N, C-alpha and C. Protein backbone atom coordinates (compact mmCIF):
# COMPACT_ATOMS: atom_id res chain seq x y z
N MET A 1 108.03 89.08 112.13
CA MET A 1 108.98 88.32 111.35
C MET A 1 110.38 88.35 111.95
N GLN A 2 111.15 87.26 112.15
CA GLN A 2 112.40 87.47 112.68
C GLN A 2 113.45 87.71 111.73
N ARG A 3 114.64 88.20 112.04
CA ARG A 3 115.78 88.47 111.31
C ARG A 3 116.10 87.28 110.32
N LEU A 4 116.57 87.45 109.12
CA LEU A 4 117.00 86.59 108.35
C LEU A 4 118.32 86.24 108.55
N GLN A 5 118.88 85.07 108.61
CA GLN A 5 120.21 84.49 108.70
C GLN A 5 120.81 84.92 107.48
N SER A 6 122.12 84.91 107.50
CA SER A 6 123.02 85.29 106.28
C SER A 6 122.73 84.25 105.28
N ILE A 7 122.70 83.05 105.53
CA ILE A 7 122.38 82.16 104.60
C ILE A 7 121.05 82.11 103.85
N GLN A 8 120.07 82.62 104.51
CA GLN A 8 118.64 82.79 104.10
C GLN A 8 118.73 83.99 103.14
N ALA A 9 119.41 85.08 103.43
CA ALA A 9 119.58 86.25 102.70
C ALA A 9 120.29 86.02 101.36
N LYS A 10 121.31 85.21 101.33
CA LYS A 10 122.01 84.86 100.15
C LYS A 10 121.15 84.02 99.38
N TYR A 11 120.38 83.15 99.99
CA TYR A 11 119.35 82.25 99.11
C TYR A 11 118.43 83.15 98.67
N LEU A 12 117.76 84.03 99.20
CA LEU A 12 116.73 84.98 98.57
C LEU A 12 117.29 85.95 97.42
N ARG A 13 118.45 86.32 97.76
CA ARG A 13 119.09 87.41 96.80
C ARG A 13 119.42 86.46 95.47
N GLY A 14 119.64 85.34 95.55
CA GLY A 14 119.80 84.42 94.34
C GLY A 14 118.53 84.14 93.58
N LEU A 15 117.31 84.06 94.46
CA LEU A 15 116.03 83.90 93.90
C LEU A 15 115.58 85.16 93.13
N ALA A 16 115.94 86.34 93.81
CA ALA A 16 115.61 87.61 93.20
C ALA A 16 116.34 87.98 92.00
N HIS A 17 117.46 87.47 91.72
CA HIS A 17 118.16 88.03 90.71
C HIS A 17 117.59 87.92 89.38
N PRO A 18 116.77 87.17 88.93
CA PRO A 18 116.04 87.50 87.57
C PRO A 18 114.71 88.19 87.72
N LEU A 19 114.25 88.54 88.89
CA LEU A 19 113.01 89.44 89.00
C LEU A 19 113.29 90.90 88.51
N LYS A 20 112.07 91.38 87.92
CA LYS A 20 112.01 92.72 87.62
C LYS A 20 111.45 93.65 88.94
N PRO A 21 111.80 94.92 89.00
CA PRO A 21 111.15 95.64 90.02
C PRO A 21 109.64 95.72 89.79
N ILE A 22 108.91 95.70 90.94
CA ILE A 22 107.49 95.79 91.03
C ILE A 22 107.05 96.97 91.60
N VAL A 23 107.71 97.55 92.44
CA VAL A 23 107.26 98.79 93.13
C VAL A 23 108.46 99.76 92.96
N PHE A 24 107.90 101.10 92.58
CA PHE A 24 108.90 102.04 92.31
C PHE A 24 108.55 103.18 93.13
N ILE A 25 109.56 103.97 93.72
CA ILE A 25 109.65 105.05 94.58
C ILE A 25 110.14 106.25 93.77
N GLY A 26 109.06 107.30 93.54
CA GLY A 26 109.68 108.30 92.68
C GLY A 26 109.87 109.56 93.49
N GLN A 27 109.68 110.78 92.80
CA GLN A 27 110.07 112.02 93.58
C GLN A 27 109.06 112.33 94.77
N LYS A 28 107.95 111.70 94.81
CA LYS A 28 106.99 112.03 95.97
C LYS A 28 107.46 111.34 97.23
N GLY A 29 108.42 110.28 97.11
CA GLY A 29 108.94 109.57 98.14
C GLY A 29 108.07 108.34 98.58
N LEU A 30 107.77 108.22 99.90
CA LEU A 30 107.18 107.05 100.53
C LEU A 30 105.71 107.73 100.70
N THR A 31 104.93 107.12 99.90
CA THR A 31 103.48 107.51 100.11
C THR A 31 102.59 106.34 100.61
N LEU A 32 101.35 106.54 100.88
CA LEU A 32 100.41 105.61 101.29
C LEU A 32 100.17 104.50 100.06
N GLU A 33 100.21 105.21 98.93
CA GLU A 33 100.26 104.10 97.69
C GLU A 33 101.31 103.24 97.66
N VAL A 34 102.44 103.82 97.92
CA VAL A 34 103.70 102.89 97.67
C VAL A 34 103.62 101.78 98.89
N ILE A 35 103.25 102.21 100.04
CA ILE A 35 103.04 101.13 100.96
C ILE A 35 102.00 100.15 100.64
N ASN A 36 100.91 100.58 100.12
CA ASN A 36 99.73 99.76 99.81
C ASN A 36 100.06 98.70 98.41
N SER A 37 100.87 99.30 97.64
CA SER A 37 101.32 98.32 96.43
C SER A 37 102.50 97.48 96.84
N THR A 38 103.27 97.98 97.97
CA THR A 38 104.32 96.96 98.46
C THR A 38 103.47 95.74 99.18
N GLU A 39 102.56 96.13 99.98
CA GLU A 39 101.77 95.28 100.62
C GLU A 39 101.16 94.11 99.76
N ALA A 40 100.66 94.67 98.66
CA ALA A 40 99.87 93.84 97.77
C ALA A 40 100.84 92.88 97.02
N ALA A 41 101.94 93.48 96.60
CA ALA A 41 102.94 92.73 95.86
C ALA A 41 103.64 91.51 96.85
N LEU A 42 103.92 91.86 97.96
CA LEU A 42 104.39 91.03 98.89
C LEU A 42 103.41 89.70 99.23
N ASN A 43 101.98 90.09 99.27
CA ASN A 43 100.85 89.13 99.39
C ASN A 43 100.90 88.31 98.29
N LYS A 44 101.23 88.75 96.97
CA LYS A 44 101.08 87.90 95.91
C LYS A 44 102.54 87.11 95.54
N HIS A 45 103.67 87.69 95.74
CA HIS A 45 104.94 87.32 95.39
C HIS A 45 105.78 86.92 96.47
N GLU A 46 105.66 87.32 97.70
CA GLU A 46 106.61 87.05 98.83
C GLU A 46 107.95 87.61 98.67
N LEU A 47 108.58 87.57 97.51
CA LEU A 47 109.88 88.16 97.29
C LEU A 47 109.87 89.26 96.07
N ILE A 48 110.14 90.29 96.43
CA ILE A 48 109.88 91.53 95.38
C ILE A 48 111.21 92.46 95.37
N LYS A 49 111.31 93.08 94.13
CA LYS A 49 112.22 94.06 94.16
C LYS A 49 111.50 95.46 94.17
N LEU A 50 112.07 96.40 94.83
CA LEU A 50 111.67 98.01 94.83
C LEU A 50 112.78 98.73 94.26
N LYS A 51 112.32 99.53 93.44
CA LYS A 51 113.32 100.41 92.61
C LYS A 51 113.10 101.93 93.15
N PHE A 52 114.32 102.64 93.48
CA PHE A 52 114.23 104.14 93.78
C PHE A 52 114.64 104.76 92.58
N ASN A 53 113.74 105.64 91.84
CA ASN A 53 113.95 106.29 90.86
C ASN A 53 114.53 107.59 90.98
N ASP A 54 114.14 108.28 92.16
CA ASP A 54 114.90 109.73 92.31
C ASP A 54 115.62 109.81 93.62
N PHE A 55 115.85 108.71 94.29
CA PHE A 55 116.67 108.87 95.37
C PHE A 55 118.04 108.08 95.29
N LYS A 56 119.08 109.09 95.45
CA LYS A 56 120.41 108.52 95.16
C LYS A 56 121.22 108.37 96.52
N GLU A 57 120.74 109.08 97.59
CA GLU A 57 121.45 109.03 98.75
C GLU A 57 121.11 107.84 99.69
N LYS A 58 122.32 107.01 99.93
CA LYS A 58 122.05 105.90 100.55
C LYS A 58 121.45 105.80 101.88
N PRO A 59 121.53 106.78 102.77
CA PRO A 59 120.87 107.00 103.91
C PRO A 59 119.43 107.17 103.90
N ARG A 60 119.01 107.92 103.05
CA ARG A 60 117.47 108.23 102.65
C ARG A 60 117.02 106.79 102.15
N LYS A 61 117.67 105.98 101.28
CA LYS A 61 117.03 104.79 100.94
C LYS A 61 116.85 103.78 102.04
N GLN A 62 117.92 103.89 102.89
CA GLN A 62 117.74 102.95 104.00
C GLN A 62 116.51 103.26 105.04
N GLU A 63 116.50 104.60 104.99
CA GLU A 63 115.33 104.99 106.04
C GLU A 63 114.00 104.64 105.47
N ILE A 64 113.89 104.61 104.09
CA ILE A 64 112.60 104.38 103.41
C ILE A 64 112.33 102.89 103.50
N CYS A 65 113.38 102.03 103.31
CA CYS A 65 113.34 100.56 103.54
C CYS A 65 112.90 100.18 105.04
N ARG A 66 113.45 100.91 106.05
CA ARG A 66 113.30 100.73 107.21
C ARG A 66 111.69 100.95 107.63
N ILE A 67 111.23 101.93 107.13
CA ILE A 67 109.87 102.34 107.31
C ILE A 67 108.94 101.33 106.60
N ILE A 68 109.21 100.99 105.38
CA ILE A 68 108.42 99.85 104.80
C ILE A 68 108.53 98.58 105.44
N GLU A 69 109.62 98.25 106.15
CA GLU A 69 109.74 97.10 106.88
C GLU A 69 108.69 97.16 108.05
N GLU A 70 108.68 98.29 108.69
CA GLU A 70 107.68 98.52 110.05
C GLU A 70 106.26 98.54 109.53
N LYS A 71 105.97 99.11 108.44
CA LYS A 71 104.52 99.09 108.02
C LYS A 71 104.14 97.90 107.39
N THR A 72 104.92 97.01 106.80
CA THR A 72 104.32 95.97 105.90
C THR A 72 104.86 94.58 106.65
N GLY A 73 105.79 94.57 107.62
CA GLY A 73 106.20 93.36 108.33
C GLY A 73 107.20 92.58 107.42
N CYS A 74 107.75 93.25 106.46
CA CYS A 74 108.68 92.37 105.59
C CYS A 74 110.01 92.54 106.08
N ARG A 75 111.01 91.95 105.55
CA ARG A 75 112.42 91.92 105.80
C ARG A 75 113.20 92.44 104.63
N LEU A 76 114.22 93.36 104.73
CA LEU A 76 114.93 93.76 103.64
C LEU A 76 116.00 92.58 103.60
N VAL A 77 116.00 92.03 102.24
CA VAL A 77 117.09 91.11 102.09
C VAL A 77 118.49 91.62 101.66
N GLY A 78 118.48 92.80 101.00
CA GLY A 78 119.53 93.42 100.48
C GLY A 78 119.24 94.67 99.60
N THR A 79 120.20 95.56 99.27
CA THR A 79 120.19 96.58 98.30
C THR A 79 121.43 96.41 97.36
N ILE A 80 121.03 96.69 96.15
CA ILE A 80 122.00 96.80 95.07
C ILE A 80 121.74 97.99 94.30
N GLY A 81 122.60 99.09 94.44
CA GLY A 81 122.53 100.42 93.67
C GLY A 81 121.05 101.06 94.15
N ASN A 82 120.15 100.96 93.27
CA ASN A 82 119.01 101.75 93.41
C ASN A 82 117.77 100.63 93.58
N ILE A 83 118.11 99.34 93.87
CA ILE A 83 117.09 98.41 94.01
C ILE A 83 117.31 97.76 95.29
N ALA A 84 116.08 97.69 96.03
CA ALA A 84 116.03 96.97 97.37
C ALA A 84 115.36 95.71 97.04
N ILE A 85 115.57 94.56 97.76
CA ILE A 85 114.90 93.38 97.74
C ILE A 85 114.27 92.96 99.01
N LEU A 86 112.96 92.81 98.88
CA LEU A 86 112.10 92.61 100.15
C LEU A 86 111.55 91.29 100.09
N TYR A 87 111.56 90.66 101.40
CA TYR A 87 110.83 89.35 101.45
C TYR A 87 109.83 89.22 102.65
N ARG A 88 108.64 88.74 102.48
CA ARG A 88 107.74 88.41 103.62
C ARG A 88 107.14 87.06 103.40
N GLU A 89 107.15 86.24 104.25
CA GLU A 89 106.63 85.00 104.08
C GLU A 89 105.04 84.95 104.16
N HIS A 90 104.49 84.35 103.17
CA HIS A 90 102.99 84.54 103.04
C HIS A 90 102.32 83.80 104.26
N ARG A 91 101.34 84.42 104.79
CA ARG A 91 100.58 84.26 106.00
C ARG A 91 100.00 82.91 105.86
N ASP A 92 99.42 82.42 104.80
CA ASP A 92 98.67 81.10 104.86
C ASP A 92 99.79 80.20 104.26
N PRO A 93 100.28 79.11 105.19
CA PRO A 93 101.16 78.10 104.88
C PRO A 93 100.97 77.28 103.59
N GLU A 94 99.74 77.21 103.04
CA GLU A 94 99.51 76.49 101.92
C GLU A 94 99.94 77.38 100.66
N LYS A 95 99.89 78.55 100.83
CA LYS A 95 100.34 79.53 99.76
C LYS A 95 101.59 79.98 99.64
N ARG A 96 102.40 79.43 100.53
CA ARG A 96 104.00 79.80 100.44
C ARG A 96 104.75 79.10 99.26
N LYS A 97 105.34 80.07 98.56
CA LYS A 97 106.04 79.62 97.39
C LYS A 97 107.49 79.25 97.69
N ILE A 98 108.04 80.01 98.61
CA ILE A 98 109.52 79.90 99.14
C ILE A 98 109.76 79.12 100.40
N GLN A 99 110.50 78.35 100.37
CA GLN A 99 110.94 77.67 101.59
C GLN A 99 112.42 77.99 101.98
N LEU A 100 112.51 78.68 102.94
CA LEU A 100 113.90 78.96 103.37
C LEU A 100 114.83 77.90 103.96
N PRO A 101 115.98 78.01 103.57
CA PRO A 101 117.01 76.96 104.21
C PRO A 101 117.11 76.99 105.67
């Protein structure tokens, strides 16, 4: 997936505002279960929020998000505090819910 343009990221952040976090990263950090649940959530919703419960250091959160991007093929839309917003367009064009500007 190519990089998001700033207007697209802003649009997705607006769509994500009312969403509740679906994936949580706890004290065990990034595990295979977290990757699998992120993959499943992206397949179902396209746009999700991920919450860091036990990580407060920004560099560590950025590293985890980078790894998730690599493993799932999604894009980081933005981070707000302990919440990361992730987006991946659905592979099936007929099942896509979000049309980027």
